Amino acid sequence: MTFTFTEPTEWLLEISPSLQAQSWQQSQVYATSSSRWCAYINQICLYAFLDWIKTEYVPDATDLPAFWDGVNGTAIAVGGKRILLIPSEAIDDSELEVPQEWVDIPSWAADYYLAVQVKPDGESVRVWGYTTHQELKSRGSYDPIDRTYCMDARHLTKDLNAFWMTYQFCWGEATLATLNPLPELPATQAENLLQRLGSSSVTFPRLAVPFSLWGALLENEQWRQRLYQNRQTSNQVRENLSQWLEGVYSASWQTLETLLGSNFSSLALNLRSTSGSVESGIRRAKLIDLGMQIESQSVVLLVALIPEANRQVSVRVQLHPAGGELYLPANIKLALLSSAETLEQIQARSQDDYVQLPQFDVEIGEHFSIQVALDNFQITEDFVI
């Protein structure tokens, strides 16, 4: 990652082709084309920003996927302040447009709002101005049609060097406007909203109900995650393992020999050491790219099926290093999920050459998911027998 100035007061953060590919891959889990695009440009913006600041500033945490299902923007905590990145594909920089959620939901409000110009097919993102929550509320104009606050570029601070100086040394500066709490949402009403808005057929859920209801739903972390999961489930495409039993496989699931080449013998040894029946079962593997978490490293997700009596199939799932690596990344997690609930999870230690979930049985017609997670990276593979 290199960092250059276009104008002396702006930041130009480079993005690599691998970052673009990784961001596009991760965005495909979202329910609609608009939410997939929103996730894509936000991931490009976020990773470019984090890659630049990581040597000096360490973000506390990010809570991202549930926000990107139609709400543009990425908030990160750096030190004791919240910074909101607002990416836009607009060619001009005449204004900053912020979704109402990031302004009027008290727990979402940020101290600083950064305007970011994104060229998805280009090689950089441009950070060109900023404002505070207090300034946005007092000087911005509210558009009730698309529920956004707009700040004319004339009222933005264009000197990003001044932003870092203010952030580092002016901790007493008033940045947040006073907000009234949103009305409490009864649980029964929340359940109705989750069912209604959880369908992927609702393209813009943020505009489908009054903001007081929508904001109260999103402010509750549990409801927000359930809404996201419902919309993902509504859009899921599951790998049909019954077709594996008939010798039909999708292109992304390959034989171990094809995927691992010379490394196949060591993986086969691991399989024999755990269960001889697994070696003789139906096995397919998929390469999982860890992207920005560990540069140029991938892992292999192995799924093995053993047909049993009474319409049951025994399933073994393992995770192995790839690309010539001897060990898995420390702390990478492999989990078995059912209806978004974690049933089993294993975490790699340092110098683990593979991890595996306990063998489990699935009946014909049942479905389950396997999740691989490392730091902020997370990918879920969905299956049905």
Protein backbone atom coordinates (compact mmCIF):
# COMPACT_ATOMS: atom_id res chain seq x y z
CA MET A 1 0.00 0.00 0.00
CA THR A 2 1.31 3.38 -0.94
CA PHE A 3 -0.12 6.73 0.01
CA THR A 4 0.12 9.84 -2.12
CA PHE A 5 -1.39 13.30 -2.25
CA THR A 6 -3.43 14.56 -5.21
CA GLU A 7 -3.89 18.01 -3.78
CA PRO A 8 -1.73 18.75 -0.71
CA THR A 9 -4.80 18.40 1.51
CA GLU A 10 -6.24 15.15 0.08
CA TRP A 11 -5.40 11.46 0.48
CA LEU A 12 -5.14 9.04 -2.43
CA LEU A 13 -5.08 5.43 -1.22
CA GLU A 14 -4.13 2.77 -3.74
CA ILE A 15 -6.14 -0.44 -4.16
CA SER A 16 -4.75 -3.61 -5.71
CA PRO A 17 -6.46 -5.94 -8.21
CA SER A 18 -6.40 -8.68 -5.55
CA LEU A 19 -8.28 -6.39 -3.14
CA GLN A 20 -10.90 -5.69 -5.80
CA ALA A 21 -11.31 -9.40 -6.53
CA GLN A 22 -11.52 -10.30 -2.85
CA SER A 23 -14.06 -7.57 -2.13
CA TRP A 24 -16.20 -8.62 -5.07
CA GLN A 25 -16.14 -12.26 -3.96
CA GLN A 26 -17.18 -11.42 -0.42
CA SER A 27 -19.98 -9.12 -1.60
CA GLN A 28 -21.78 -11.92 -3.46
CA VAL A 29 -23.45 -13.24 -0.29
CA TYR A 30 -25.78 -10.23 -0.09
CA ALA A 31 -29.46 -10.52 -0.94
CA THR A 32 -29.84 -7.97 -3.76
CA SER A 33 -27.72 -6.43 -6.49
CA SER A 34 -27.85 -3.04 -4.76
CA SER A 35 -26.66 -4.45 -1.43
CA ARG A 36 -23.91 -6.45 -3.16
CA TRP A 37 -22.66 -3.29 -4.84
CA CYS A 38 -22.89 -1.34 -1.58
CA ALA A 39 -20.83 -4.02 0.19
CA TYR A 40 -18.28 -4.09 -2.63
CA ILE A 41 -17.45 -0.37 -2.65
CA ASN A 42 -17.48 -0.19 1.14
CA GLN A 43 -15.04 -3.08 1.43
CA ILE A 44 -12.69 -1.45 -1.07
CA CYS A 45 -12.89 1.79 0.87
CA LEU A 46 -12.46 0.13 4.28
CA TYR A 47 -9.54 -2.13 3.43
CA ALA A 48 -7.65 0.64 1.65
CA PHE A 49 -8.09 2.90 4.68
CA LEU A 50 -7.18 0.21 7.22
CA ASP A 51 -4.14 -0.84 5.22
CA TRP A 52 -2.88 2.72 5.36
CA ILE A 53 -3.49 3.45 9.05
CA LYS A 54 -2.60 0.05 10.52
CA THR A 55 1.04 0.91 11.20
CA GLU A 56 0.06 3.79 13.44
CA TYR A 57 -3.60 3.37 14.39
CA VAL A 58 -5.28 0.10 15.40
CA PRO A 59 -9.08 0.03 15.07
CA ASP A 60 -10.89 -1.44 18.06
CA ALA A 61 -13.41 -3.46 16.08
CA THR A 62 -15.72 -3.39 13.09
CA ASP A 63 -19.32 -4.59 12.85
CA LEU A 64 -19.82 -4.56 9.14
CA PRO A 65 -21.86 -7.13 7.20
CA ALA A 66 -25.26 -6.33 8.73
CA PHE A 67 -24.78 -2.62 7.99
CA TRP A 68 -24.06 -3.05 4.30
CA ASP A 69 -27.36 -4.64 3.36
CA GLY A 70 -28.52 -1.39 1.81
CA VAL A 71 -26.98 1.19 4.18
CA ASN A 72 -23.92 2.87 2.69
CA GLY A 73 -21.04 3.66 5.05
CA THR A 74 -18.45 2.04 7.32
CA ALA A 75 -17.79 3.10 10.91
CA ILE A 76 -14.55 2.18 12.64
CA ALA A 77 -13.38 2.95 16.15
CA VAL A 78 -9.86 4.38 16.24
CA GLY A 79 -8.77 5.14 19.76
CA GLY A 80 -11.69 6.76 21.52
CA LYS A 81 -13.35 8.24 18.43
CA ARG A 82 -15.65 6.88 15.71
CA ILE A 83 -14.79 7.63 12.10
CA LEU A 84 -17.34 7.05 9.37
CA LEU A 85 -16.18 6.42 5.80
CA ILE A 86 -18.81 7.37 3.19
CA PRO A 87 -17.82 6.05 -0.26
CA SER A 88 -19.40 7.49 -3.39
CA GLU A 89 -19.00 6.80 -7.09
CA ALA A 90 -20.02 10.34 -8.02
CA ILE A 91 -17.60 11.95 -10.46
CA ASP A 92 -17.94 15.38 -8.90
CA ASP A 93 -17.39 16.25 -5.26
CA SER A 94 -20.13 18.82 -4.82
CA GLU A 95 -21.57 17.32 -1.63
CA LEU A 96 -21.34 14.65 1.05
CA GLU A 97 -24.43 12.44 1.30
CA VAL A 98 -24.88 10.45 4.55
CA PRO A 99 -27.69 7.94 5.20
CA GLN A 100 -29.92 8.98 8.08
CA GLU A 101 -29.08 5.83 10.02
CA TRP A 102 -25.51 7.07 10.60
CA VAL A 103 -26.80 10.41 11.88
CA ASP A 104 -30.01 9.84 13.85
CA ILE A 105 -29.49 6.41 15.45
CA PRO A 106 -27.68 7.41 18.66
CA SER A 107 -25.40 4.35 18.85
CA TRP A 108 -24.46 4.70 15.16
CA ALA A 109 -23.50 8.38 15.20
CA ALA A 110 -19.82 9.05 14.47
CA ASP A 111 -17.51 11.85 15.56
CA TYR A 112 -16.10 12.39 12.07
CA TYR A 113 -17.56 11.75 8.60
CA LEU A 114 -15.04 11.33 5.75
CA ALA A 115 -16.06 11.84 2.11
CA VAL A 116 -14.47 9.16 -0.10
CA GLN A 117 -14.56 9.04 -3.90
CA VAL A 118 -14.38 5.45 -5.17
CA LYS A 119 -13.58 4.35 -8.69
CA PRO A 120 -14.39 0.61 -8.46
CA ASP A 121 -12.48 -0.27 -11.63
CA GLY A 122 -9.63 2.10 -10.83
CA GLU A 123 -6.57 1.73 -8.65
CA SER A 124 -7.26 4.13 -5.80
CA VAL A 125 -9.80 5.76 -3.51
CA ARG A 126 -9.72 9.48 -2.82
CA VAL A 127 -10.49 10.96 0.59
CA TRP A 128 -11.31 14.60 -0.10
CA GLY A 129 -13.12 16.16 2.85
CA TYR A 130 -14.71 15.69 6.25
CA THR A 131 -17.19 17.07 8.75
CA THR A 132 -18.41 16.27 12.25
CA HIS A 133 -21.74 14.94 13.45
CA GLN A 134 -22.52 18.28 15.04
CA GLU A 135 -21.84 20.18 11.81
CA LEU A 136 -23.81 17.69 9.74
CA LYS A 137 -26.88 18.10 11.96
CA SER A 138 -26.66 21.87 12.10
CA ARG A 139 -25.60 22.73 8.52
CA GLY A 140 -26.64 19.72 6.47
CA SER A 141 -29.98 19.48 4.65
CA TYR A 142 -32.23 16.48 5.16
CA ASP A 143 -33.84 14.75 2.16
CA PRO A 144 -36.93 12.80 3.31
CA ILE A 145 -37.27 10.94 -0.01
CA ASP A 146 -34.09 8.88 0.30
CA ARG A 147 -33.50 9.65 3.99
CA THR A 148 -30.09 11.22 3.72
CA TYR A 149 -28.30 14.24 5.14
CA CYS A 150 -26.49 16.27 2.48
CA MET A 151 -23.64 18.65 3.22
CA ASP A 152 -22.56 21.05 0.49
CA ALA A 153 -18.86 20.77 -0.29
CA ARG A 154 -18.43 24.42 0.62
CA HIS A 155 -19.14 23.54 4.24
CA LEU A 156 -16.78 20.56 4.41
CA THR A 157 -13.26 20.86 5.73
CA LYS A 158 -11.01 19.99 2.79
CA ASP A 159 -7.69 19.86 4.67
CA LEU A 160 -7.25 16.21 5.70
CA ASN A 161 -3.98 17.07 7.39
CA ALA A 162 -6.04 19.28 9.69
CA PHE A 163 -8.28 16.28 10.37
CA TRP A 164 -5.41 14.23 11.79
CA MET A 165 -4.17 17.19 13.82
CA THR A 166 -7.64 17.74 15.24
CA TYR A 167 -8.13 14.03 15.87
CA GLN A 168 -4.80 13.62 17.66
CA PHE A 169 -4.59 16.77 19.73
CA CYS A 170 -8.06 18.29 20.10
CA TRP A 171 -9.86 15.61 22.08
CA GLY A 172 -11.98 18.21 23.84
CA GLU A 173 -13.54 19.41 20.57
CA ALA A 174 -17.33 19.04 20.51
CA THR A 175 -18.13 16.66 17.65
CA LEU A 176 -21.47 15.05 18.54
CA ALA A 177 -24.84 16.77 18.45
CA THR A 178 -27.44 15.87 21.06
CA LEU A 179 -29.85 13.18 19.84
CA ASN A 180 -33.15 12.09 21.27
CA PRO A 181 -33.44 8.33 21.87
CA LEU A 182 -35.53 6.37 19.38
CA PRO A 183 -38.88 5.02 20.63
CA GLU A 184 -38.79 1.56 22.16
CA LEU A 185 -39.89 -1.15 19.75
CA PRO A 186 -42.14 -3.90 21.19
CA ALA A 187 -40.82 -7.43 20.60
CA THR A 188 -43.94 -8.53 18.74
CA GLN A 189 -43.67 -5.60 16.35
CA ALA A 190 -39.97 -6.32 15.85
CA GLU A 191 -40.77 -9.94 14.94
CA ASN A 192 -43.29 -8.77 12.36
CA LEU A 193 -40.75 -6.39 10.86
CA LEU A 194 -38.07 -9.09 10.76
CA GLN A 195 -40.40 -11.39 8.88
CA ARG A 196 -41.55 -8.69 6.46
CA LEU A 197 -38.20 -7.03 5.77
CA GLY A 198 -36.21 -10.28 5.90
CA SER A 199 -37.29 -11.26 2.41
CA SER A 200 -34.83 -10.51 -0.38
CA SER A 201 -37.84 -9.43 -2.47
CA VAL A 202 -37.82 -6.21 -0.42
CA THR A 203 -35.11 -4.39 -2.35
CA PHE A 204 -34.81 -1.32 -0.11
CA PRO A 205 -35.84 -2.34 3.41
CA ARG A 206 -34.55 0.94 4.87
CA LEU A 207 -37.26 2.85 2.98
CA ALA A 208 -40.06 0.33 3.42
CA VAL A 209 -41.18 1.43 6.91
CA PRO A 210 -41.08 4.70 8.89
CA PHE A 211 -37.62 5.64 10.09
CA SER A 212 -38.61 5.46 13.77
CA LEU A 213 -39.38 1.75 13.33
CA TRP A 214 -36.42 1.04 11.06
CA GLY A 215 -33.95 2.88 13.28
CA ALA A 216 -35.18 1.15 16.45
CA LEU A 217 -34.88 -2.23 14.72
CA LEU A 218 -31.30 -1.59 13.58
CA GLU A 219 -30.16 -0.16 16.91
CA ASN A 220 -30.86 -3.50 18.57
CA GLU A 221 -27.81 -5.62 17.70
CA GLN A 222 -29.66 -8.93 17.97
CA TRP A 223 -32.49 -7.80 15.70
CA ARG A 224 -30.02 -6.25 13.26
CA GLN A 225 -28.11 -9.52 12.93
CA ARG A 226 -31.30 -11.52 12.56
CA LEU A 227 -32.51 -9.22 9.80
CA TYR A 228 -29.22 -9.66 7.97
CA GLN A 229 -29.31 -13.45 8.42
CA ASN A 230 -32.94 -13.65 7.28
CA ARG A 231 -32.13 -11.76 4.11
CA GLN A 232 -29.09 -13.93 3.47
CA THR A 233 -31.07 -17.13 4.02
CA SER A 234 -33.76 -15.86 1.66
CA ASN A 235 -31.10 -15.52 -1.04
CA GLN A 236 -29.03 -18.62 -0.31
CA VAL A 237 -27.88 -20.99 -2.99
CA ARG A 238 -26.95 -24.27 -1.32
CA GLU A 239 -24.55 -26.90 -2.59
CA ASN A 240 -26.66 -30.00 -3.23
CA LEU A 241 -24.75 -32.92 -1.74
CA SER A 242 -27.29 -35.42 -3.07
CA GLN A 243 -25.78 -34.70 -6.49
CA TRP A 244 -22.37 -35.64 -5.12
CA LEU A 245 -23.78 -39.07 -4.28
CA GLU A 246 -24.68 -39.38 -7.98
CA GLY A 247 -21.25 -38.24 -9.14
CA VAL A 248 -22.30 -34.69 -10.13
CA TYR A 249 -20.22 -31.80 -8.74
CA SER A 250 -20.20 -28.02 -9.20
CA ALA A 251 -17.07 -26.50 -10.73
CA SER A 252 -15.85 -24.91 -7.48
CA TRP A 253 -15.62 -28.27 -5.69
CA GLN A 254 -12.69 -30.27 -7.06
CA THR A 255 -10.84 -33.49 -6.39
CA LEU A 256 -8.00 -33.37 -3.88
CA GLU A 257 -5.51 -34.40 -6.53
CA THR A 258 -6.53 -31.53 -8.82
CA LEU A 259 -6.52 -28.96 -6.05
CA LEU A 260 -3.42 -29.95 -4.10
CA GLY A 261 -1.18 -31.77 -6.55
CA SER A 262 1.98 -32.88 -4.74
CA ASN A 263 0.49 -32.00 -1.35
CA PHE A 264 -2.24 -34.60 -1.79
CA SER A 265 -0.25 -37.44 -0.19
CA SER A 266 0.16 -35.67 3.16
CA LEU A 267 -3.54 -34.76 3.23
CA ALA A 268 -4.48 -38.36 2.43
CA LEU A 269 -2.34 -39.45 5.38
CA ASN A 270 -4.31 -37.15 7.68
CA LEU A 271 -7.53 -38.68 6.38
CA ARG A 272 -6.33 -42.23 7.04
CA SER A 273 -5.22 -41.31 10.52
CA THR A 274 -8.67 -39.98 11.45
CA SER A 275 -11.03 -42.42 9.77
CA GLY A 276 -10.43 -45.08 7.18
CA SER A 277 -14.04 -44.83 6.03
CA VAL A 278 -13.57 -41.15 5.14
CA GLU A 279 -10.78 -42.04 2.74
CA SER A 280 -13.08 -44.43 0.92
CA GLY A 281 -16.03 -42.00 0.88
CA ILE A 282 -16.97 -39.22 -1.52
CA ARG A 283 -14.60 -36.28 -1.10
CA ARG A 284 -14.41 -32.84 -2.61
CA ALA A 285 -12.36 -29.77 -1.69
CA LYS A 286 -12.65 -26.03 -2.27
CA LEU A 287 -9.95 -23.36 -2.14
CA ILE A 288 -10.79 -20.52 0.26
CA ASP A 289 -8.86 -17.29 -0.37
CA LEU A 290 -8.17 -15.46 2.90
CA GLY A 291 -7.61 -12.24 0.99
CA MET A 292 -6.49 -9.25 3.05
CA GLN A 293 -6.16 -11.24 6.29
CA ILE A 294 -2.98 -13.05 5.26
CA GLU A 295 -1.51 -11.93 1.97
CA SER A 296 -1.45 -14.57 -0.76
CA GLN A 297 -2.52 -17.40 1.57
CA SER A 298 -5.41 -19.76 1.03
CA VAL A 299 -6.80 -22.75 2.85
CA VAL A 300 -8.53 -25.89 1.63
CA LEU A 301 -12.00 -26.78 2.88
CA LEU A 302 -12.54 -30.53 2.62
CA VAL A 303 -15.97 -32.15 2.78
CA ALA A 304 -16.27 -35.96 2.81
CA LEU A 305 -19.54 -37.93 2.61
CA ILE A 306 -20.20 -41.50 3.73
CA PRO A 307 -23.66 -42.83 2.80
CA GLU A 308 -25.28 -44.68 5.69
CA ALA A 309 -28.48 -46.65 6.15
CA ASN A 310 -31.90 -45.11 6.88
CA ARG A 311 -31.51 -42.15 4.46
CA GLN A 312 -28.60 -40.70 6.43
CA VAL A 313 -25.23 -39.41 5.29
CA SER A 314 -22.22 -39.10 7.58
CA VAL A 315 -20.22 -35.92 6.99
CA ARG A 316 -16.61 -35.11 7.85
CA VAL A 317 -15.28 -31.54 7.42
CA GLN A 318 -11.64 -30.54 7.62
CA LEU A 319 -9.56 -27.41 6.96
CA HIS A 320 -6.03 -27.67 5.56
CA PRO A 321 -3.28 -25.24 4.55
CA ALA A 322 -2.69 -24.64 0.84
CA GLY A 323 -0.13 -23.01 -1.42
CA GLY A 324 2.78 -24.97 0.02
CA GLU A 325 2.17 -23.77 3.59
CA LEU A 326 2.84 -26.31 6.33
CA TYR A 327 0.45 -24.91 8.91
CA LEU A 328 -2.91 -23.21 9.12
CA PRO A 329 -3.05 -19.55 10.19
CA ALA A 330 -3.20 -19.42 13.99
CA ASN A 331 -6.70 -18.72 15.33
CA ILE A 332 -8.54 -19.53 12.12
CA LYS A 333 -11.95 -21.01 12.98
CA LEU A 334 -13.98 -23.80 11.39
CA ALA A 335 -17.62 -24.00 12.47
CA LEU A 336 -20.77 -26.03 11.81
CA LEU A 337 -23.93 -23.89 11.67
CA SER A 338 -27.62 -24.69 11.56
CA SER A 339 -30.12 -21.84 11.06
CA ALA A 340 -27.33 -19.38 11.95
CA GLU A 341 -26.73 -21.19 15.27
CA THR A 342 -23.21 -22.49 15.92
CA LEU A 343 -23.36 -26.21 16.72
CA GLU A 344 -19.64 -26.99 16.71
CA GLN A 345 -16.50 -24.86 16.35
CA ILE A 346 -12.79 -25.59 16.33
CA GLN A 347 -9.96 -23.05 16.33
CA ALA A 348 -6.47 -23.70 14.99
CA ARG A 349 -3.48 -23.33 17.27
CA SER A 350 -0.02 -22.36 16.12
CA GLN A 351 1.52 -25.08 13.95
CA ASP A 352 -1.70 -27.02 13.36
CA ASP A 353 -1.44 -28.69 9.95
CA TYR A 354 -5.21 -29.25 9.86
CA VAL A 355 -8.36 -28.96 12.00
CA GLN A 356 -11.57 -30.95 11.76
CA LEU A 357 -15.09 -30.86 13.09
CA PRO A 358 -16.54 -33.89 14.84
CA GLN A 359 -18.14 -36.22 12.32
CA PHE A 360 -21.90 -35.66 12.10
CA ASP A 361 -24.92 -37.27 10.43
CA VAL A 362 -27.41 -35.50 8.17
CA GLU A 363 -30.69 -36.89 6.89
CA ILE A 364 -31.86 -36.53 3.32
CA GLY A 365 -33.60 -33.13 2.98
CA GLU A 366 -31.70 -31.44 5.82
CA HIS A 367 -29.36 -28.49 5.35
CA PHE A 368 -26.36 -27.09 7.22
CA SER A 369 -23.60 -24.52 6.78
CA ILE A 370 -19.84 -24.53 7.26
CA GLN A 371 -18.11 -21.28 8.18
CA VAL A 372 -14.43 -20.33 7.93
CA ALA A 373 -13.47 -17.20 9.88
CA LEU A 374 -10.23 -15.34 10.56
CA ASP A 375 -10.24 -11.88 12.16
CA ASN A 376 -12.59 -9.73 10.00
CA PHE A 377 -12.75 -12.32 7.20
CA GLN A 378 -15.71 -14.68 7.16
CA ILE A 379 -17.12 -16.97 4.50
CA THR A 380 -20.00 -19.43 4.80
CA GLU A 381 -20.68 -22.41 2.55
CA ASP A 382 -24.26 -23.70 2.56
CA PHE A 383 -25.23 -27.34 1.89
CA VAL A 384 -28.33 -29.47 1.54
CA ILE A 385 -28.56 -33.25 1.31
